[in-house]
Amino acid sequence: RASLDQHYFEFRITQIYRIDWKFNLLFFDVETDQGRTEFEMCWQVDRTQHYGENGMLLVDVFDNRYMIPDMDQLSRGDRKQLTRYIYW
């Protein structure tokens, strides 16, 4: 874990402002526990994982991790926007 922390960043997403899809990439504009940020993620099945009971883990193009600990903590609009592109 300590070795991973030295090479990758980990963020908790608290709000989703926008998600765009272009060139088989998802472009995110989100609020995190460390402030507002943007990141890109390949639109592939291996870039998302279940996280805990009701969470989701997103991995960006640089292998940084963006966690949503509980999908129910996002607003309905944020969940709808996310599940438009990412679902299981």
PDB file of N, CA and C in Angstrom:
ATOM      1  N   ARG A   1       0.830  -1.208   0.000  1.00  0.00           N
ATOM      2  CA  ARG A   1       0.000   0.000   0.000  1.00  0.00           C
ATOM      3  C   ARG A   1       0.866   1.260   0.000  1.00  0.00           C
ATOM      4  N   ALA A   2       1.883   1.315   0.825  1.00  0.00           N
ATOM      5  CA  ALA A   2       2.742   2.501   0.887  1.00  0.00           C
ATOM      6  C   ALA A   2       3.433   2.740  -0.445  1.00  0.00           C
ATOM      7  N   SER A   3       3.857   1.662  -1.087  1.00  0.00           N
ATOM      8  CA  SER A   3       4.502   1.788  -2.397  1.00  0.00           C
ATOM      9  C   SER A   3       3.525   2.327  -3.434  1.00  0.00           C
ATOM     10  N   LEU A   4       2.293   1.854  -3.419  1.00  0.00           N
ATOM     11  CA  LEU A   4       1.277   2.358  -4.351  1.00  0.00           C
ATOM     12  C   LEU A   4       1.015   3.834  -4.122  1.00  0.00           C
ATOM     13  N   ASP A   5       0.956   4.244  -2.868  1.00  0.00           N
ATOM     14  CA  ASP A   5       0.687   5.646  -2.543  1.00  0.00           C
ATOM     15  C   ASP A   5       1.767   6.583  -3.061  1.00  0.00           C
ATOM     16  N   GLN A   6       2.980   6.077  -3.218  1.00  0.00           N
ATOM     17  CA  GLN A   6       4.064   6.903  -3.732  1.00  0.00           C
ATOM     18  C   GLN A   6       3.946   7.128  -5.234  1.00  0.00           C
ATOM     19  N   HIS A   7       3.268   6.241  -5.936  1.00  0.00           N
ATOM     20  CA  HIS A   7       3.232   6.298  -7.395  1.00  0.00           C
ATOM     21  C   HIS A   7       1.885   6.707  -7.978  1.00  0.00           C
ATOM     22  N   TYR A   8       0.833   6.589  -7.208  1.00  0.00           N
ATOM     23  CA  TYR A   8      -0.498   6.885  -7.712  1.00  0.00           C
ATOM     24  C   TYR A   8      -1.228   7.802  -6.736  1.00  0.00           C
ATOM     25  N   PHE A   9      -2.133   8.584  -7.275  1.00  0.00           N
ATOM     26  CA  PHE A   9      -2.959   9.447  -6.442  1.00  0.00           C
ATOM     27  C   PHE A   9      -4.316   8.796  -6.238  1.00  0.00           C
ATOM     28  N   GLU A  10      -4.941   9.119  -5.118  1.00  0.00           N
ATOM     29  CA  GLU A  10      -6.241   8.560  -4.786  1.00  0.00           C
ATOM     30  C   GLU A  10      -7.152   9.705  -4.358  1.00  0.00           C
ATOM     31  N   PHE A  11      -8.314   9.786  -4.978  1.00  0.00           N
ATOM     32  CA  PHE A  11      -9.265  10.861  -4.715  1.00  0.00           C
ATOM     33  C   PHE A  11     -10.631  10.266  -4.397  1.00  0.00           C
ATOM     34  N   ARG A  12     -11.425  10.985  -3.612  1.00  0.00           N
ATOM     35  CA  ARG A  12     -12.818  10.604  -3.357  1.00  0.00           C
ATOM     36  C   ARG A  12     -13.708  11.613  -4.069  1.00  0.00           C
ATOM     37  N   ILE A  13     -14.526  11.127  -4.974  1.00  0.00           N
ATOM     38  CA  ILE A  13     -15.433  11.992  -5.727  1.00  0.00           C
ATOM     39  C   ILE A  13     -16.658  12.298  -4.874  1.00  0.00           C
ATOM     40  N   THR A  14     -16.975  13.591  -4.752  1.00  0.00           N
ATOM     41  CA  THR A  14     -18.145  14.013  -3.979  1.00  0.00           C
ATOM     42  C   THR A  14     -19.232  14.623  -4.854  1.00  0.00           C
ATOM     43  N   GLN A  15     -18.867  15.069  -6.055  1.00  0.00           N
ATOM     44  CA  GLN A  15     -19.841  15.663  -6.973  1.00  0.00           C
ATOM     45  C   GLN A  15     -19.319  15.530  -8.398  1.00  0.00           C
ATOM     46  N   ILE A  16     -20.243  15.340  -9.335  1.00  0.00           N
ATOM     47  CA  ILE A  16     -19.884  15.255 -10.752  1.00  0.00           C
ATOM     48  C   ILE A  16     -20.488  16.453 -11.463  1.00  0.00           C
ATOM     49  N   TYR A  17     -19.627  17.277 -12.042  1.00  0.00           N
ATOM     50  CA  TYR A  17     -20.098  18.444 -12.784  1.00  0.00           C
ATOM     51  C   TYR A  17     -20.417  18.092 -14.235  1.00  0.00           C
ATOM     52  N   ARG A  18     -19.549  17.275 -14.830  1.00  0.00           N
ATOM     53  CA  ARG A  18     -19.748  16.971 -16.249  1.00  0.00           C
ATOM     54  C   ARG A  18     -18.963  15.713 -16.619  1.00  0.00           C
ATOM     55  N   ILE A  19     -19.533  14.926 -17.532  1.00  0.00           N
ATOM     56  CA  ILE A  19     -18.832  13.807 -18.151  1.00  0.00           C
ATOM     57  C   ILE A  19     -19.085  13.907 -19.647  1.00  0.00           C
ATOM     58  N   ASP A  20     -18.015  13.913 -20.417  1.00  0.00           N
ATOM     59  CA  ASP A  20     -18.117  13.929 -21.875  1.00  0.00           C
ATOM     60  C   ASP A  20     -17.422  12.700 -22.430  1.00  0.00           C
ATOM     61  N   TRP A  21     -17.905  12.226 -23.575  1.00  0.00           N
ATOM     62  CA  TRP A  21     -17.310  11.068 -24.234  1.00  0.00           C
ATOM     63  C   TRP A  21     -16.812  11.486 -25.604  1.00  0.00           C
ATOM     64  N   LYS A  22     -15.502  11.315 -25.839  1.00  0.00           N
ATOM     65  CA  LYS A  22     -14.888  11.608 -27.135  1.00  0.00           C
ATOM     66  C   LYS A  22     -13.720  10.660 -27.343  1.00  0.00           C
ATOM     67  N   PHE A  23     -13.580  10.180 -28.560  1.00  0.00           N
ATOM     68  CA  PHE A  23     -12.417   9.368 -28.940  1.00  0.00           C
ATOM     69  C   PHE A  23     -12.232   8.151 -28.033  1.00  0.00           C
ATOM     70  N   ASN A  24     -13.324   7.569 -27.608  1.00  0.00           N
ATOM     71  CA  ASN A  24     -13.328   6.412 -26.708  1.00  0.00           C
ATOM     72  C   ASN A  24     -12.717   6.721 -25.331  1.00  0.00           C
ATOM     73  N   LEU A  25     -12.756   7.983 -24.954  1.00  0.00           N
ATOM     74  CA  LEU A  25     -12.327   8.424 -23.627  1.00  0.00           C
ATOM     75  C   LEU A  25     -13.490   9.117 -22.936  1.00  0.00           C
ATOM     76  N   LEU A  26     -13.555   8.986 -21.625  1.00  0.00           N
ATOM     77  CA  LEU A  26     -14.497   9.749 -20.817  1.00  0.00           C
ATOM     78  C   LEU A  26     -13.725  10.887 -20.165  1.00  0.00           C
ATOM     79  N   PHE A  27     -14.226  12.102 -20.325  1.00  0.00           N
ATOM     80  CA  PHE A  27     -13.618  13.291 -19.743  1.00  0.00           C
ATOM     81  C   PHE A  27     -14.475  13.721 -18.556  1.00  0.00           C
ATOM     82  N   PHE A  28     -13.909  13.676 -17.368  1.00  0.00           N
ATOM     83  CA  PHE A  28     -14.621  13.979 -16.134  1.00  0.00           C
ATOM     84  C   PHE A  28     -14.245  15.358 -15.609  1.00  0.00           C
ATOM     85  N   ASP A  29     -15.226  16.078 -15.106  1.00  0.00           N
ATOM     86  CA  ASP A  29     -15.039  17.311 -14.342  1.00  0.00           C
ATOM     87  C   ASP A  29     -15.770  17.060 -13.029  1.00  0.00           C
ATOM     88  N   VAL A  30     -15.019  16.906 -11.938  1.00  0.00           N
ATOM     89  CA  VAL A  30     -15.596  16.462 -10.670  1.00  0.00           C
ATOM     90  C   VAL A  30     -15.079  17.288  -9.498  1.00  0.00           C
ATOM     91  N   GLU A  31     -15.808  17.208  -8.403  1.00  0.00           N
ATOM     92  CA  GLU A  31     -15.351  17.729  -7.113  1.00  0.00           C
ATOM     93  C   GLU A  31     -14.864  16.531  -6.309  1.00  0.00           C
ATOM     94  N   THR A  32     -13.703  16.661  -5.685  1.00  0.00           N
ATOM     95  CA  THR A  32     -13.157  15.581  -4.865  1.00  0.00           C
ATOM     96  C   THR A  32     -12.855  16.100  -3.467  1.00  0.00           C
ATOM     97  N   ASP A  33     -12.413  15.206  -2.617  1.00  0.00           N
ATOM     98  CA  ASP A  33     -12.000  15.594  -1.269  1.00  0.00           C
ATOM     99  C   ASP A  33     -10.782  16.513  -1.291  1.00  0.00           C
ATOM    100  N   GLN A  34     -10.137  16.640  -2.444  1.00  0.00           N
ATOM    101  CA  GLN A  34      -8.962  17.503  -2.580  1.00  0.00           C
ATOM    102  C   GLN A  34      -9.225  18.681  -3.514  1.00  0.00           C
ATOM    103  N   GLY A  35     -10.493  18.942  -3.808  1.00  0.00           N
ATOM    104  CA  GLY A  35     -10.857  20.068  -4.660  1.00  0.00           C
ATOM    105  C   GLY A  35     -11.345  19.628  -6.032  1.00  0.00           C
ATOM    106  N   ARG A  36     -11.727  20.617  -6.827  1.00  0.00           N
ATOM    107  CA  ARG A  36     -12.244  20.347  -8.165  1.00  0.00           C
ATOM    108  C   ARG A  36     -11.097  19.925  -9.082  1.00  0.00           C
ATOM    109  N   THR A  37     -11.361  18.931  -9.921  1.00  0.00           N
ATOM    110  CA  THR A  37     -10.335  18.437 -10.832  1.00  0.00           C
ATOM    111  C   THR A  37     -10.978  17.852 -12.078  1.00  0.00           C
ATOM    112  N   GLU A  38     -10.171  17.672 -13.089  1.00  0.00           N
ATOM    113  CA  GLU A  38     -10.587  17.022 -14.330  1.00  0.00           C
ATOM    114  C   GLU A  38      -9.653  15.851 -14.578  1.00  0.00           C
ATOM    115  N   PHE A  39     -10.204  14.781 -15.134  1.00  0.00           N
ATOM    116  CA  PHE A  39      -9.369  13.640 -15.503  1.00  0.00           C
ATOM    117  C   PHE A  39     -10.002  12.912 -16.675  1.00  0.00           C
ATOM    118  N   GLU A  40      -9.186  12.087 -17.327  1.00  0.00           N
ATOM    119  CA  GLU A  40      -9.643  11.301 -18.464  1.00  0.00           C
ATOM    120  C   GLU A  40      -9.537   9.824 -18.109  1.00  0.00           C
ATOM    121  N   MET A  41     -10.482   9.060 -18.632  1.00  0.00           N
ATOM    122  CA  MET A  41     -10.509   7.632 -18.378  1.00  0.00           C
ATOM    123  C   MET A  41     -10.848   6.917 -19.676  1.00  0.00           C
ATOM    124  N   CYS A  42     -10.115   5.849 -19.997  1.00  0.00           N
ATOM    125  CA  CYS A  42     -10.466   5.035 -21.163  1.00  0.00           C
ATOM    126  C   CYS A  42     -11.827   4.401 -20.910  1.00  0.00           C
ATOM    127  N   TRP A  43     -12.645   4.383 -21.928  1.00  0.00           N
ATOM    128  CA  TRP A  43     -13.975   3.795 -21.801  1.00  0.00           C
ATOM    129  C   TRP A  43     -13.871   2.298 -22.037  1.00  0.00           C
ATOM    130  N   GLN A  44     -13.379   1.578 -21.014  1.00  0.00           N
ATOM    131  CA  GLN A  44     -13.174   0.137 -21.076  1.00  0.00           C
ATOM    132  C   GLN A  44     -13.674  -0.487 -19.779  1.00  0.00           C
ATOM    133  N   VAL A  45     -14.066  -1.726 -19.871  1.00  0.00           N
ATOM    134  CA  VAL A  45     -14.641  -2.416 -18.720  1.00  0.00           C
ATOM    135  C   VAL A  45     -13.634  -2.558 -17.574  1.00  0.00           C
ATOM    136  N   ASP A  46     -12.346  -2.663 -17.863  1.00  0.00           N
ATOM    137  CA  ASP A  46     -11.358  -2.869 -16.800  1.00  0.00           C
ATOM    138  C   ASP A  46     -10.959  -1.579 -16.081  1.00  0.00           C
ATOM    139  N   ARG A  47     -11.531  -0.445 -16.454  1.00  0.00           N
ATOM    140  CA  ARG A  47     -11.190   0.831 -15.822  1.00  0.00           C
ATOM    141  C   ARG A  47     -12.128   1.180 -14.668  1.00  0.00           C
ATOM    142  N   THR A  48     -13.116   0.336 -14.409  1.00  0.00           N
ATOM    143  CA  THR A  48     -14.021   0.542 -13.275  1.00  0.00           C
ATOM    144  C   THR A  48     -14.119  -0.750 -12.466  1.00  0.00           C
ATOM    145  N   GLN A  49     -14.336  -0.597 -11.173  1.00  0.00           N
ATOM    146  CA  GLN A  49     -14.486  -1.750 -10.295  1.00  0.00           C
ATOM    147  C   GLN A  49     -15.501  -1.421  -9.212  1.00  0.00           C
ATOM    148  N   HIS A  50     -16.107  -2.470  -8.678  1.00  0.00           N
ATOM    149  CA  HIS A  50     -16.947  -2.286  -7.494  1.00  0.00           C
ATOM    150  C   HIS A  50     -16.047  -1.881  -6.338  1.00  0.00           C
ATOM    151  N   TYR A  51     -16.593  -1.056  -5.446  1.00  0.00           N
ATOM    152  CA  TYR A  51     -15.832  -0.602  -4.279  1.00  0.00           C
ATOM    153  C   TYR A  51     -16.750  -0.676  -3.069  1.00  0.00           C
ATOM    154  N   GLY A  52     -16.478  -1.610  -2.176  1.00  0.00           N
ATOM    155  CA  GLY A  52     -17.306  -1.768  -0.986  1.00  0.00           C
ATOM    156  C   GLY A  52     -18.709  -2.238  -1.322  1.00  0.00           C
ATOM    157  N   GLU A  53     -19.654  -1.888  -0.459  1.00  0.00           N
ATOM    158  CA  GLU A  53     -21.044  -2.321  -0.615  1.00  0.00           C
ATOM    159  C   GLU A  53     -21.739  -1.681  -1.810  1.00  0.00           C
ATOM    160  N   ASN A  54     -21.546  -0.379  -1.988  1.00  0.00           N
ATOM    161  CA  ASN A  54     -22.304   0.344  -3.010  1.00  0.00           C
ATOM    162  C   ASN A  54     -21.439   1.408  -3.690  1.00  0.00           C
ATOM    163  N   GLY A  55     -20.140   1.147  -3.747  1.00  0.00           N
ATOM    164  CA  GLY A  55     -19.237   2.141  -4.304  1.00  0.00           C
ATOM    165  C   GLY A  55     -18.685   1.752  -5.658  1.00  0.00           C
ATOM    166  N   MET A  56     -17.910   2.682  -6.202  1.00  0.00           N
ATOM    167  CA  MET A  56     -17.316   2.488  -7.508  1.00  0.00           C
ATOM    168  C   MET A  56     -15.901   3.062  -7.480  1.00  0.00           C
ATOM    169  N   LEU A  57     -15.000   2.384  -8.160  1.00  0.00           N
ATOM    170  CA  LEU A  57     -13.629   2.844  -8.300  1.00  0.00           C
ATOM    171  C   LEU A  57     -13.366   3.084  -9.783  1.00  0.00           C
ATOM    172  N   LEU A  58     -12.899   4.283 -10.114  1.00  0.00           N
ATOM    173  CA  LEU A  58     -12.568   4.650 -11.488  1.00  0.00           C
ATOM    174  C   LEU A  58     -11.057   4.812 -11.579  1.00  0.00           C
ATOM    175  N   VAL A  59     -10.460   4.328 -12.655  1.00  0.00           N
ATOM    176  CA  VAL A  59      -9.014   4.421 -12.839  1.00  0.00           C
ATOM    177  C   VAL A  59      -8.749   5.243 -14.091  1.00  0.00           C
ATOM    178  N   ASP A  60      -7.994   6.341 -13.933  1.00  0.00           N
ATOM    179  CA  ASP A  60      -7.771   7.238 -15.071  1.00  0.00           C
ATOM    180  C   ASP A  60      -6.645   6.738 -15.978  1.00  0.00           C
ATOM    181  N   VAL A  61      -6.324   7.516 -17.004  1.00  0.00           N
ATOM    182  CA  VAL A  61      -5.323   7.102 -17.993  1.00  0.00           C
ATOM    183  C   VAL A  61      -3.917   7.006 -17.394  1.00  0.00           C
ATOM    184  N   PHE A  62      -3.699   7.602 -16.228  1.00  0.00           N
ATOM    185  CA  PHE A  62      -2.403   7.521 -15.547  1.00  0.00           C
ATOM    186  C   PHE A  62      -2.436   6.537 -14.380  1.00  0.00           C
ATOM    187  N   ASP A  63      -3.500   5.749 -14.290  1.00  0.00           N
ATOM    188  CA  ASP A  63      -3.717   4.762 -13.228  1.00  0.00           C
ATOM    189  C   ASP A  63      -3.954   5.374 -11.851  1.00  0.00           C
ATOM    190  N   ASN A  64      -4.323   6.647 -11.799  1.00  0.00           N
ATOM    191  CA  ASN A  64      -4.759   7.244 -10.540  1.00  0.00           C
ATOM    192  C   ASN A  64      -6.167   6.756 -10.238  1.00  0.00           C
ATOM    193  N   ARG A  65      -6.506   6.687  -8.959  1.00  0.00           N
ATOM    194  CA  ARG A  65      -7.782   6.106  -8.544  1.00  0.00           C
ATOM    195  C   ARG A  65      -8.740   7.181  -8.043  1.00  0.00           C
ATOM    196  N   TYR A  66      -9.972   7.099  -8.515  1.00  0.00           N
ATOM    197  CA  TYR A  66     -11.044   8.011  -8.101  1.00  0.00           C
ATOM    198  C   TYR A  66     -12.154   7.155  -7.520  1.00  0.00           C
ATOM    199  N   MET A  67     -12.409   7.314  -6.225  1.00  0.00           N
ATOM    200  CA  MET A  67     -13.381   6.473  -5.533  1.00  0.00           C
ATOM    201  C   MET A  67     -14.684   7.209  -5.279  1.00  0.00           C
ATOM    202  N   ILE A  68     -15.747   6.468  -5.418  1.00  0.00           N
ATOM    203  CA  ILE A  68     -17.062   6.906  -4.959  1.00  0.00           C
ATOM    204  C   ILE A  68     -17.456   5.865  -3.912  1.00  0.00           C
ATOM    205  N   PRO A  69     -17.251   6.155  -2.629  1.00  0.00           N
ATOM    206  CA  PRO A  69     -17.481   5.152  -1.586  1.00  0.00           C
ATOM    207  C   PRO A  69     -18.914   4.624  -1.540  1.00  0.00           C
ATOM    208  N   ASP A  70     -19.890   5.490  -1.815  1.00  0.00           N
ATOM    209  CA  ASP A  70     -21.295   5.088  -1.773  1.00  0.00           C
ATOM    210  C   ASP A  70     -22.048   5.863  -2.846  1.00  0.00           C
ATOM    211  N   MET A  71     -22.511   5.167  -3.864  1.00  0.00           N
ATOM    212  CA  MET A  71     -23.210   5.818  -4.974  1.00  0.00           C
ATOM    213  C   MET A  71     -24.430   6.598  -4.493  1.00  0.00           C
ATOM    214  N   ASP A  72     -25.061   6.141  -3.407  1.00  0.00           N
ATOM    215  CA  ASP A  72     -26.253   6.818  -2.892  1.00  0.00           C
ATOM    216  C   ASP A  72     -25.940   8.194  -2.308  1.00  0.00           C
ATOM    217  N   GLN A  73     -24.667   8.471  -2.035  1.00  0.00           N
ATOM    218  CA  GLN A  73     -24.279   9.782  -1.516  1.00  0.00           C
ATOM    219  C   GLN A  73     -24.198  10.841  -2.620  1.00  0.00           C
ATOM    220  N   LEU A  74     -24.149  10.400  -3.875  1.00  0.00           N
ATOM    221  CA  LEU A  74     -24.193  11.341  -4.997  1.00  0.00           C
ATOM    222  C   LEU A  74     -25.636  11.780  -5.225  1.00  0.00           C
ATOM    223  N   SER A  75     -25.808  12.956  -5.779  1.00  0.00           N
ATOM    224  CA  SER A  75     -27.163  13.400  -6.113  1.00  0.00           C
ATOM    225  C   SER A  75     -27.729  12.504  -7.214  1.00  0.00           C
ATOM    226  N   ARG A  76     -29.031  12.522  -7.352  1.00  0.00           N
ATOM    227  CA  ARG A  76     -29.681  11.711  -8.387  1.00  0.00           C
ATOM    228  C   ARG A  76     -29.160  12.085  -9.778  1.00  0.00           C
ATOM    229  N   GLY A  77     -28.975  13.380 -10.023  1.00  0.00           N
ATOM    230  CA  GLY A  77     -28.457  13.843 -11.307  1.00  0.00           C
ATOM    231  C   GLY A  77     -27.038  13.362 -11.568  1.00  0.00           C
ATOM    232  N   ASP A  78     -26.205  13.370 -10.526  1.00  0.00           N
ATOM    233  CA  ASP A  78     -24.829  12.883 -10.664  1.00  0.00           C
ATOM    234  C   ASP A  78     -24.813  11.391 -10.977  1.00  0.00           C
ATOM    235  N   ARG A  79     -25.651  10.612 -10.272  1.00  0.00           N
ATOM    236  CA  ARG A  79     -25.721   9.168 -10.533  1.00  0.00           C
ATOM    237  C   ARG A  79     -26.206   8.899 -11.949  1.00  0.00           C
ATOM    238  N   LYS A  80     -27.200   9.651 -12.391  1.00  0.00           N
ATOM    239  CA  LYS A  80     -27.739   9.460 -13.735  1.00  0.00           C
ATOM    240  C   LYS A  80     -26.675   9.759 -14.790  1.00  0.00           C
ATOM    241  N   GLN A  81     -25.935  10.822 -14.577  1.00  0.00           N
ATOM    242  CA  GLN A  81     -24.875  11.191 -15.510  1.00  0.00           C
ATOM    243  C   GLN A  81     -23.797  10.101 -15.576  1.00  0.00           C
ATOM    244  N   LEU A  82     -23.424   9.568 -14.419  1.00  0.00           N
ATOM    245  CA  LEU A  82     -22.394   8.537 -14.360  1.00  0.00           C
ATOM    246  C   LEU A  82     -22.867   7.234 -14.993  1.00  0.00           C
ATOM    247  N   THR A  83     -24.076   6.804 -14.660  1.00  0.00           N
ATOM    248  CA  THR A  83     -24.562   5.523 -15.182  1.00  0.00           C
ATOM    249  C   THR A  83     -24.956   5.602 -16.655  1.00  0.00           C
ATOM    250  N   ARG A  84     -24.950   6.779 -17.204  1.00  0.00           N
ATOM    251  CA  ARG A  84     -25.142   6.913 -18.653  1.00  0.00           C
ATOM    252  C   ARG A  84     -23.977   6.262 -19.399  1.00  0.00           C
ATOM    253  N   TYR A  85     -22.795   6.319 -18.797  1.00  0.00           N
ATOM    254  CA  TYR A  85     -21.594   5.771 -19.424  1.00  0.00           C
ATOM    255  C   TYR A  85     -21.047   4.534 -18.727  1.00  0.00           C
ATOM    256  N   ILE A  86     -21.233   4.456 -17.418  1.00  0.00           N
ATOM    257  CA  ILE A  86     -20.660   3.353 -16.642  1.00  0.00           C
ATOM    258  C   ILE A  86     -21.788   2.635 -15.917  1.00  0.00           C
ATOM    259  N   TYR A  87     -21.933   1.369 -16.196  1.00  0.00           N
ATOM    260  CA  TYR A  87     -23.025   0.594 -15.610  1.00  0.00           C
ATOM    261  C   TYR A  87     -22.590  -0.855 -15.500  1.00  0.00           C
ATOM    262  N   TRP A  88     -23.234  -1.580 -14.575  1.00  0.00           N
ATOM    263  CA  TRP A  88     -23.031  -3.015 -14.458  1.00  0.00           C
ATOM    264  C   TRP A  88     -24.185  -3.644 -13.765  1.00  0.00           C
TER     265      TRP A  88
END
